Amino acid sequence: MKVGILSDSHDHRGAAQGALLLFRAEGVGMAIHLGDVCSPVVLAGYGDPAIPFLGVFGNNDSDRDGLQEATGGAFRQGPRIETVDGRKILFAHSYNQLQGELSGQGRFDLVLFGHTHRPLTMRVGKALVVNPGESCGLVRGKNTCAIVDLATMEPRIVEIPLPGTG
């Protein structure tokens, strides 16, 4: 199964929708948002039964009730631990939120965080660590997300094609 990961949408609906179209085209089986969606309307279309959706709140997600309503209750406060396709995944909005869970070396297959707006993929022990960068493109000028193949644990940082730009 492939997992599509995005973070830091900051009200950029076009980027969130572009990521969803990309995830569908890539055959992604689950989408995860790492927070800072800001407005719930950004996630219109997420929660499609074909692509289950999980999320964690970011520090700029003030309308938490709205996010829950828009996504059928998919968001939680991080850190969050889920098992997907046999892989144990730890995720939160910021790396600092993960510190307490990371003390047990080797507990996780995939560790995800956002907040920095900088894409990152690296391995720490057996864990693959991924930050998808910013889907909004406001700080670094690139709208990015990540796709991880859980069968091979191979990550890709992908530039999001924005609707209406080609």
N, C-alpha and C. Protein backbone atom coordinates (compact mmCIF):
# COMPACT_ATOMS: atom_id res chain seq x y z
N MET A 1 0.84 -1.18 0.00
CA MET A 1 0.00 0.00 0.00
C MET A 1 0.88 1.25 0.00
N LYS A 2 0.43 2.24 -0.72
CA LYS A 2 1.10 3.55 -0.70
C LYS A 2 0.33 4.48 0.21
N VAL A 3 1.08 5.31 0.96
CA VAL A 3 0.48 6.32 1.83
C VAL A 3 0.88 7.69 1.29
N GLY A 4 -0.11 8.57 1.12
CA GLY A 4 0.13 9.95 0.71
C GLY A 4 0.15 10.83 1.95
N ILE A 5 1.16 11.69 2.06
CA ILE A 5 1.36 12.49 3.27
C ILE A 5 1.48 13.95 2.88
N LEU A 6 0.71 14.80 3.56
CA LEU A 6 0.86 16.23 3.36
C LEU A 6 0.79 16.96 4.68
N SER A 7 1.29 18.18 4.68
CA SER A 7 1.35 18.99 5.89
C SER A 7 1.32 20.46 5.50
N ASP A 8 1.00 21.28 6.47
CA ASP A 8 1.12 22.73 6.33
C ASP A 8 0.42 23.26 5.08
N SER A 9 -0.87 23.00 4.99
CA SER A 9 -1.68 23.51 3.87
C SER A 9 -1.95 25.00 4.00
N HIS A 10 -2.08 25.49 5.22
CA HIS A 10 -2.29 26.92 5.48
C HIS A 10 -3.28 27.57 4.52
N ASP A 11 -4.46 26.99 4.44
CA ASP A 11 -5.57 27.52 3.65
C ASP A 11 -5.38 27.43 2.14
N HIS A 12 -4.39 26.73 1.65
CA HIS A 12 -4.17 26.61 0.20
C HIS A 12 -4.99 25.43 -0.32
N ARG A 13 -6.25 25.71 -0.64
CA ARG A 13 -7.16 24.66 -1.07
C ARG A 13 -6.70 24.01 -2.38
N GLY A 14 -6.17 24.81 -3.31
CA GLY A 14 -5.73 24.26 -4.59
C GLY A 14 -4.65 23.20 -4.41
N ALA A 15 -3.73 23.44 -3.49
CA ALA A 15 -2.65 22.47 -3.25
C ALA A 15 -3.20 21.20 -2.61
N ALA A 16 -4.11 21.34 -1.67
CA ALA A 16 -4.70 20.16 -1.03
C ALA A 16 -5.49 19.35 -2.05
N GLN A 17 -6.21 20.03 -2.93
CA GLN A 17 -6.97 19.32 -3.97
C GLN A 17 -6.03 18.70 -5.00
N GLY A 18 -4.95 19.41 -5.34
CA GLY A 18 -3.95 18.85 -6.25
C GLY A 18 -3.30 17.60 -5.68
N ALA A 19 -3.03 17.62 -4.38
CA ALA A 19 -2.45 16.44 -3.71
C ALA A 19 -3.43 15.27 -3.76
N LEU A 20 -4.70 15.54 -3.54
CA LEU A 20 -5.70 14.48 -3.58
C LEU A 20 -5.77 13.85 -4.98
N LEU A 21 -5.75 14.69 -6.02
CA LEU A 21 -5.74 14.17 -7.39
C LEU A 21 -4.48 13.34 -7.66
N LEU A 22 -3.35 13.82 -7.17
CA LEU A 22 -2.09 13.08 -7.30
C LEU A 22 -2.17 11.74 -6.59
N PHE A 23 -2.70 11.74 -5.36
CA PHE A 23 -2.82 10.51 -4.59
C PHE A 23 -3.70 9.49 -5.33
N ARG A 24 -4.79 9.96 -5.91
CA ARG A 24 -5.66 9.05 -6.68
C ARG A 24 -4.92 8.48 -7.88
N ALA A 25 -4.21 9.34 -8.61
CA ALA A 25 -3.47 8.90 -9.80
C ALA A 25 -2.35 7.92 -9.45
N GLU A 26 -1.77 8.07 -8.27
CA GLU A 26 -0.65 7.22 -7.83
C GLU A 26 -1.12 5.93 -7.16
N GLY A 27 -2.43 5.76 -6.99
CA GLY A 27 -2.95 4.56 -6.35
C GLY A 27 -2.72 4.51 -4.86
N VAL A 28 -2.70 5.68 -4.22
CA VAL A 28 -2.50 5.77 -2.77
C VAL A 28 -3.69 5.13 -2.06
N GLY A 29 -3.40 4.32 -1.03
CA GLY A 29 -4.44 3.63 -0.28
C GLY A 29 -4.84 4.32 1.00
N MET A 30 -4.08 5.32 1.43
CA MET A 30 -4.40 6.10 2.64
C MET A 30 -3.70 7.45 2.55
N ALA A 31 -4.39 8.48 3.06
CA ALA A 31 -3.79 9.82 3.12
C ALA A 31 -3.68 10.25 4.58
N ILE A 32 -2.57 10.93 4.89
CA ILE A 32 -2.33 11.45 6.24
C ILE A 32 -1.98 12.92 6.14
N HIS A 33 -2.67 13.76 6.93
CA HIS A 33 -2.33 15.19 7.00
C HIS A 33 -1.70 15.45 8.36
N LEU A 34 -0.54 16.12 8.34
CA LEU A 34 0.23 16.35 9.56
C LEU A 34 -0.05 17.70 10.20
N GLY A 35 -1.14 18.34 9.86
CA GLY A 35 -1.57 19.54 10.57
C GLY A 35 -1.26 20.85 9.88
N ASP A 36 -1.85 21.90 10.45
CA ASP A 36 -1.86 23.25 9.89
C ASP A 36 -2.62 23.29 8.56
N VAL A 37 -3.81 22.69 8.61
CA VAL A 37 -4.77 22.81 7.51
C VAL A 37 -5.31 24.23 7.51
N CYS A 38 -5.65 24.71 8.70
CA CYS A 38 -6.25 26.02 9.01
C CYS A 38 -7.76 25.98 8.77
N SER A 39 -8.25 26.13 7.56
CA SER A 39 -9.69 26.14 7.31
C SER A 39 -10.17 24.77 6.86
N PRO A 40 -11.25 24.27 7.45
CA PRO A 40 -11.76 22.95 7.08
C PRO A 40 -12.12 22.81 5.60
N VAL A 41 -12.52 23.89 4.95
CA VAL A 41 -12.92 23.82 3.53
C VAL A 41 -11.76 23.35 2.65
N VAL A 42 -10.53 23.51 3.12
CA VAL A 42 -9.35 23.08 2.37
C VAL A 42 -9.40 21.59 2.08
N LEU A 43 -10.01 20.82 2.96
CA LEU A 43 -10.00 19.36 2.83
C LEU A 43 -11.24 18.79 2.16
N ALA A 44 -11.95 19.60 1.39
CA ALA A 44 -13.11 19.10 0.65
C ALA A 44 -12.66 17.93 -0.22
N GLY A 45 -13.37 16.82 -0.13
CA GLY A 45 -13.03 15.64 -0.93
C GLY A 45 -12.20 14.61 -0.19
N TYR A 46 -11.55 15.01 0.90
CA TYR A 46 -10.80 14.03 1.70
C TYR A 46 -11.81 13.25 2.52
N GLY A 47 -11.47 12.01 2.83
CA GLY A 47 -12.42 11.15 3.51
C GLY A 47 -13.17 10.28 2.52
N ASP A 48 -12.75 10.33 1.24
CA ASP A 48 -13.26 9.46 0.20
C ASP A 48 -13.05 8.01 0.65
N PRO A 49 -14.09 7.18 0.62
CA PRO A 49 -13.91 5.80 1.08
C PRO A 49 -12.79 5.04 0.36
N ALA A 50 -12.46 5.44 -0.86
CA ALA A 50 -11.38 4.78 -1.60
C ALA A 50 -10.01 5.12 -1.03
N ILE A 51 -9.90 6.27 -0.35
CA ILE A 51 -8.63 6.68 0.26
C ILE A 51 -8.91 7.09 1.71
N PRO A 52 -8.85 6.14 2.64
CA PRO A 52 -9.05 6.50 4.05
C PRO A 52 -8.10 7.63 4.46
N PHE A 53 -8.52 8.41 5.44
CA PHE A 53 -7.82 9.64 5.80
C PHE A 53 -7.61 9.73 7.30
N LEU A 54 -6.39 10.10 7.72
CA LEU A 54 -6.05 10.34 9.12
C LEU A 54 -5.38 11.70 9.21
N GLY A 55 -5.45 12.33 10.38
CA GLY A 55 -4.78 13.61 10.55
C GLY A 55 -4.46 13.91 12.00
N VAL A 56 -3.55 14.84 12.19
CA VAL A 56 -3.25 15.39 13.51
C VAL A 56 -3.36 16.91 13.41
N PHE A 57 -3.76 17.51 14.52
CA PHE A 57 -3.89 18.96 14.56
C PHE A 57 -2.51 19.62 14.58
N GLY A 58 -2.41 20.77 13.91
CA GLY A 58 -1.22 21.59 13.97
C GLY A 58 -1.46 22.81 14.85
N ASN A 59 -0.42 23.59 15.07
CA ASN A 59 -0.54 24.75 15.95
C ASN A 59 -1.40 25.86 15.36
N ASN A 60 -1.71 25.83 14.07
CA ASN A 60 -2.57 26.84 13.45
C ASN A 60 -3.97 26.33 13.13
N ASP A 61 -4.31 25.18 13.66
CA ASP A 61 -5.64 24.61 13.44
C ASP A 61 -6.58 25.02 14.57
N SER A 62 -7.13 26.23 14.46
CA SER A 62 -7.98 26.74 15.53
C SER A 62 -9.41 26.21 15.44
N ASP A 63 -9.88 25.86 14.25
CA ASP A 63 -11.24 25.34 14.09
C ASP A 63 -11.22 23.81 14.11
N ARG A 64 -10.90 23.27 15.26
CA ARG A 64 -10.76 21.82 15.38
C ARG A 64 -12.09 21.10 15.20
N ASP A 65 -13.17 21.69 15.71
CA ASP A 65 -14.48 21.08 15.50
C ASP A 65 -14.83 21.04 14.02
N GLY A 66 -14.52 22.11 13.31
CA GLY A 66 -14.78 22.17 11.88
C GLY A 66 -13.97 21.13 11.11
N LEU A 67 -12.71 20.95 11.49
CA LEU A 67 -11.89 19.93 10.84
C LEU A 67 -12.46 18.54 11.08
N GLN A 68 -12.91 18.30 12.30
CA GLN A 68 -13.50 16.99 12.61
C GLN A 68 -14.76 16.76 11.79
N GLU A 69 -15.59 17.80 11.70
CA GLU A 69 -16.83 17.68 10.94
C GLU A 69 -16.54 17.45 9.45
N ALA A 70 -15.58 18.17 8.91
CA ALA A 70 -15.26 18.07 7.48
C ALA A 70 -14.65 16.71 7.11
N THR A 71 -14.03 16.04 8.07
CA THR A 71 -13.32 14.79 7.76
C THR A 71 -13.90 13.56 8.46
N GLY A 72 -15.08 13.69 9.02
CA GLY A 72 -15.68 12.55 9.70
C GLY A 72 -14.91 12.10 10.93
N GLY A 73 -14.30 13.06 11.63
CA GLY A 73 -13.58 12.75 12.87
C GLY A 73 -12.20 12.17 12.68
N ALA A 74 -11.55 12.47 11.56
CA ALA A 74 -10.25 11.87 11.23
C ALA A 74 -9.08 12.45 12.01
N PHE A 75 -9.25 13.62 12.63
CA PHE A 75 -8.12 14.29 13.29
C PHE A 75 -8.04 13.95 14.76
N ARG A 76 -6.80 13.92 15.27
CA ARG A 76 -6.52 13.73 16.70
C ARG A 76 -5.39 14.67 17.08
N GLN A 77 -5.23 14.85 18.36
CA GLN A 77 -4.05 15.57 18.86
C GLN A 77 -2.86 14.63 18.73
N GLY A 78 -1.74 15.13 18.27
CA GLY A 78 -0.54 14.30 18.15
C GLY A 78 0.22 14.25 19.46
N PRO A 79 1.09 13.30 19.65
CA PRO A 79 1.46 12.28 18.68
C PRO A 79 0.39 11.20 18.56
N ARG A 80 0.38 10.58 17.40
CA ARG A 80 -0.59 9.54 17.10
C ARG A 80 0.16 8.31 16.59
N ILE A 81 -0.30 7.16 17.01
CA ILE A 81 0.31 5.90 16.58
C ILE A 81 -0.78 5.06 15.90
N GLU A 82 -0.51 4.62 14.69
CA GLU A 82 -1.44 3.79 13.94
C GLU A 82 -0.66 2.67 13.27
N THR A 83 -1.31 1.54 13.10
CA THR A 83 -0.73 0.46 12.30
C THR A 83 -1.49 0.41 10.98
N VAL A 84 -0.74 0.56 9.90
CA VAL A 84 -1.31 0.59 8.55
C VAL A 84 -0.58 -0.45 7.71
N ASP A 85 -1.32 -1.38 7.16
CA ASP A 85 -0.75 -2.41 6.29
C ASP A 85 0.44 -3.11 6.96
N GLY A 86 0.31 -3.35 8.27
CA GLY A 86 1.35 -4.04 9.02
C GLY A 86 2.53 -3.18 9.46
N ARG A 87 2.51 -1.89 9.14
CA ARG A 87 3.60 -0.98 9.52
C ARG A 87 3.14 -0.07 10.65
N LYS A 88 3.99 0.04 11.67
CA LYS A 88 3.67 0.91 12.81
C LYS A 88 4.14 2.33 12.49
N ILE A 89 3.19 3.27 12.50
CA ILE A 89 3.46 4.65 12.10
C ILE A 89 3.23 5.58 13.28
N LEU A 90 4.21 6.43 13.53
CA LEU A 90 4.13 7.48 14.55
C LEU A 90 4.10 8.81 13.81
N PHE A 91 3.11 9.67 14.15
CA PHE A 91 3.07 10.96 13.48
C PHE A 91 2.51 12.05 14.38
N ALA A 92 2.99 13.26 14.12
CA ALA A 92 2.57 14.46 14.84
C ALA A 92 2.86 15.66 13.95
N HIS A 93 2.38 16.82 14.37
CA HIS A 93 2.65 18.02 13.57
C HIS A 93 4.12 18.41 13.64
N SER A 94 4.68 18.45 14.84
CA SER A 94 6.08 18.88 14.97
C SER A 94 6.93 17.75 15.55
N TYR A 95 8.20 17.79 15.23
CA TYR A 95 9.14 16.79 15.73
C TYR A 95 9.17 16.78 17.25
N ASN A 96 9.08 17.96 17.87
CA ASN A 96 9.12 18.04 19.33
C ASN A 96 8.01 17.22 19.98
N GLN A 97 6.86 17.10 19.33
CA GLN A 97 5.76 16.30 19.88
C GLN A 97 6.07 14.80 19.86
N LEU A 98 7.05 14.39 19.10
CA LEU A 98 7.39 12.97 18.97
C LEU A 98 8.39 12.49 20.00
N GLN A 99 9.09 13.41 20.65
CA GLN A 99 10.22 13.07 21.52
C GLN A 99 9.93 11.95 22.51
N GLY A 100 8.82 12.04 23.22
CA GLY A 100 8.51 11.04 24.25
C GLY A 100 8.32 9.64 23.68
N GLU A 101 7.79 9.54 22.48
CA GLU A 101 7.54 8.24 21.86
C GLU A 101 8.79 7.64 21.24
N LEU A 102 9.77 8.47 20.91
CA LEU A 102 10.95 7.98 20.19
C LEU A 102 11.99 7.33 21.09
N SER A 103 11.77 7.38 22.41
CA SER A 103 12.76 6.81 23.33
C SER A 103 12.92 5.30 23.16
N GLY A 104 11.88 4.61 22.76
CA GLY A 104 11.97 3.17 22.53
C GLY A 104 12.45 2.88 21.12
N GLN A 105 13.76 2.79 20.94
CA GLN A 105 14.37 2.59 19.62
C GLN A 105 13.77 1.36 18.94
N GLY A 106 13.46 1.50 17.67
CA GLY A 106 13.00 0.36 16.89
C GLY A 106 11.52 0.05 17.00
N ARG A 107 10.75 0.90 17.65
CA ARG A 107 9.32 0.64 17.81
C ARG A 107 8.50 0.96 16.57
N PHE A 108 9.03 1.85 15.71
CA PHE A 108 8.23 2.34 14.59
C PHE A 108 8.91 2.07 13.26
N ASP A 109 8.08 1.80 12.27
CA ASP A 109 8.58 1.63 10.90
C ASP A 109 8.65 2.97 10.17
N LEU A 110 7.70 3.86 10.48
CA LEU A 110 7.59 5.14 9.79
C LEU A 110 7.29 6.23 10.80
N VAL A 111 8.06 7.31 10.76
CA VAL A 111 7.88 8.45 11.65
C VAL A 111 7.65 9.68 10.77
N LEU A 112 6.54 10.39 11.03
CA LEU A 112 6.14 11.52 10.19
C LEU A 112 5.97 12.78 11.02
N PHE A 113 6.43 13.90 10.48
CA PHE A 113 6.17 15.20 11.10
C PHE A 113 6.21 16.27 10.04
N GLY A 114 5.61 17.42 10.34
CA GLY A 114 5.61 18.57 9.45
C GLY A 114 6.18 19.77 10.18
N HIS A 115 5.49 20.90 10.10
CA HIS A 115 5.76 22.12 10.85
C HIS A 115 6.94 22.94 10.34
N THR A 116 8.01 22.32 9.90
CA THR A 116 9.21 23.07 9.49
C THR A 116 9.10 23.61 8.06
N HIS A 117 8.16 23.09 7.29
CA HIS A 117 7.97 23.46 5.88
C HIS A 117 9.13 22.99 5.00
N ARG A 118 9.98 22.12 5.52
CA ARG A 118 11.14 21.62 4.78
C ARG A 118 11.00 20.12 4.54
N PRO A 119 11.02 19.69 3.28
CA PRO A 119 10.94 18.26 3.02
C PRO A 119 12.19 17.53 3.52
N LEU A 120 11.97 16.31 3.99
CA LEU A 120 13.06 15.52 4.56
C LEU A 120 12.72 14.05 4.46
N THR A 121 13.68 13.24 4.06
CA THR A 121 13.57 11.79 4.20
C THR A 121 14.91 11.29 4.71
N MET A 122 14.87 10.45 5.74
CA MET A 122 16.10 9.86 6.27
C MET A 122 15.74 8.61 7.06
N ARG A 123 16.73 7.81 7.32
CA ARG A 123 16.53 6.61 8.13
C ARG A 123 17.25 6.77 9.46
N VAL A 124 16.54 6.39 10.52
CA VAL A 124 17.12 6.39 11.86
C VAL A 124 16.86 4.99 12.41
N GLY A 125 17.91 4.19 12.49
CA GLY A 125 17.72 2.80 12.86
C GLY A 125 16.86 2.13 11.81
N LYS A 126 15.82 1.43 12.23
CA LYS A 126 14.93 0.78 11.26
C LYS A 126 13.84 1.71 10.75
N ALA A 127 13.70 2.88 11.37
CA ALA A 127 12.60 3.78 11.02
C ALA A 127 12.94 4.68 9.84
N LEU A 128 11.95 4.83 8.97
CA LEU A 128 12.01 5.83 7.92
C LEU A 128 11.36 7.09 8.49
N VAL A 129 12.06 8.22 8.42
CA VAL A 129 11.56 9.50 8.93
C VAL A 129 11.26 10.39 7.73
N VAL A 130 10.04 10.95 7.69
CA VAL A 130 9.63 11.76 6.55
C VAL A 130 8.94 13.03 7.01
N ASN A 131 9.34 14.14 6.42
CA ASN A 131 8.61 15.41 6.50
C ASN A 131 8.27 15.74 5.06
N PRO A 132 6.97 15.85 4.72
CA PRO A 132 6.60 16.08 3.32
C PRO A 132 6.84 17.51 2.84
N GLY A 133 7.29 18.39 3.73
CA GLY A 133 7.44 19.79 3.35
C GLY A 133 6.10 20.49 3.47
N GLU A 134 5.93 21.56 2.72
CA GLU A 134 4.71 22.37 2.82
C GLU A 134 3.85 22.21 1.58
N SER A 135 2.59 21.86 1.78
CA SER A 135 1.72 21.80 0.62
C SER A 135 1.33 23.20 0.15
N CYS A 136 1.42 24.19 1.05
CA CYS A 136 1.01 25.56 0.71
C CYS A 136 2.02 26.29 -0.18
N GLY A 137 3.28 25.95 -0.11
CA GLY A 137 4.30 26.60 -0.92
C GLY A 137 4.63 28.02 -0.52
N LEU A 138 4.20 28.44 0.66
CA LEU A 138 4.38 29.84 1.07
C LEU A 138 5.80 30.20 1.49
N VAL A 139 6.49 29.30 2.16
CA VAL A 139 7.81 29.61 2.71
C VAL A 139 8.92 29.24 1.73
N ARG A 140 8.84 28.06 1.16
CA ARG A 140 9.93 27.56 0.31
C ARG A 140 9.64 27.71 -1.19
N GLY A 141 8.40 28.11 -1.52
CA GLY A 141 8.07 28.32 -2.92
C GLY A 141 7.74 27.07 -3.70
N LYS A 142 7.67 25.91 -3.02
CA LYS A 142 7.30 24.66 -3.68
C LYS A 142 6.20 23.99 -2.88
N ASN A 143 5.16 23.57 -3.60
CA ASN A 143 4.05 22.84 -2.98
C ASN A 143 4.41 21.37 -3.04
N THR A 144 4.72 20.77 -1.88
CA THR A 144 5.17 19.38 -1.88
C THR A 144 4.34 18.51 -0.95
N CYS A 145 4.39 17.22 -1.24
CA CYS A 145 3.82 16.18 -0.39
C CYS A 145 4.77 14.99 -0.49
N ALA A 146 4.44 13.93 0.20
CA ALA A 146 5.27 12.72 0.13
C ALA A 146 4.38 11.52 -0.15
N ILE A 147 4.97 10.54 -0.79
CA ILE A 147 4.32 9.24 -0.99
C ILE A 147 5.31 8.18 -0.52
N VAL A 148 4.84 7.31 0.36
CA VAL A 148 5.67 6.22 0.87
C VAL A 148 5.01 4.90 0.51
N ASP A 149 5.76 4.03 -0.13
CA ASP A 149 5.30 2.68 -0.43
C ASP A 149 5.60 1.83 0.80
N LEU A 150 4.56 1.39 1.49
CA LEU A 150 4.76 0.63 2.73
C LEU A 150 5.34 -0.76 2.48
N ALA A 151 5.20 -1.29 1.28
CA ALA A 151 5.78 -2.61 0.98
C ALA A 151 7.30 -2.53 0.91
N THR A 152 7.82 -1.47 0.29
CA THR A 152 9.27 -1.33 0.10
C THR A 152 9.90 -0.31 1.05
N MET A 153 9.06 0.48 1.71
CA MET A 153 9.49 1.60 2.57
C MET A 153 10.33 2.60 1.80
N GLU A 154 10.00 2.79 0.54
CA GLU A 154 10.66 3.80 -0.29
C GLU A 154 9.83 5.07 -0.28
N PRO A 155 10.46 6.21 0.09
CA PRO A 155 9.75 7.49 0.11
C PRO A 155 10.02 8.30 -1.15
N ARG A 156 9.07 9.15 -1.50
CA ARG A 156 9.28 10.14 -2.56
C ARG A 156 8.70 11.47 -2.11
N ILE A 157 9.45 12.53 -2.26
CA ILE A 157 8.92 13.88 -2.10
C ILE A 157 8.47 14.30 -3.49
N VAL A 158 7.23 14.74 -3.61
CA VAL A 158 6.63 15.03 -4.91
C VAL A 158 6.10 16.46 -4.92
N GLU A 159 6.39 17.18 -6.00
CA GLU A 159 5.81 18.51 -6.16
C GLU A 159 4.35 18.34 -6.58
N ILE A 160 3.46 19.05 -5.92
CA ILE A 160 2.02 18.92 -6.15
C ILE A 160 1.63 19.71 -7.40
N PRO A 161 0.98 19.04 -8.36
CA PRO A 161 0.47 19.77 -9.52
C PRO A 161 -0.77 20.56 -9.09
N LEU A 162 -0.73 21.87 -9.26
CA LEU A 162 -1.85 22.70 -8.85
C LEU A 162 -2.92 22.70 -9.94
N PRO A 163 -4.19 22.52 -9.55
CA PRO A 163 -5.27 22.52 -10.53
C PRO A 163 -5.27 23.83 -11.33
N GLY A 164 -5.43 23.71 -12.64
CA GLY A 164 -5.51 24.88 -13.50
C GLY A 164 -4.16 25.45 -13.91
N THR A 165 -3.05 24.75 -13.57
CA THR A 165 -1.74 25.27 -13.95
C THR A 165 -1.04 24.34 -14.95
N GLY A 166 -1.77 23.47 -15.56
CA GLY A 166 -1.15 22.63 -16.58
C GLY A 166 -1.24 21.22 -16.24
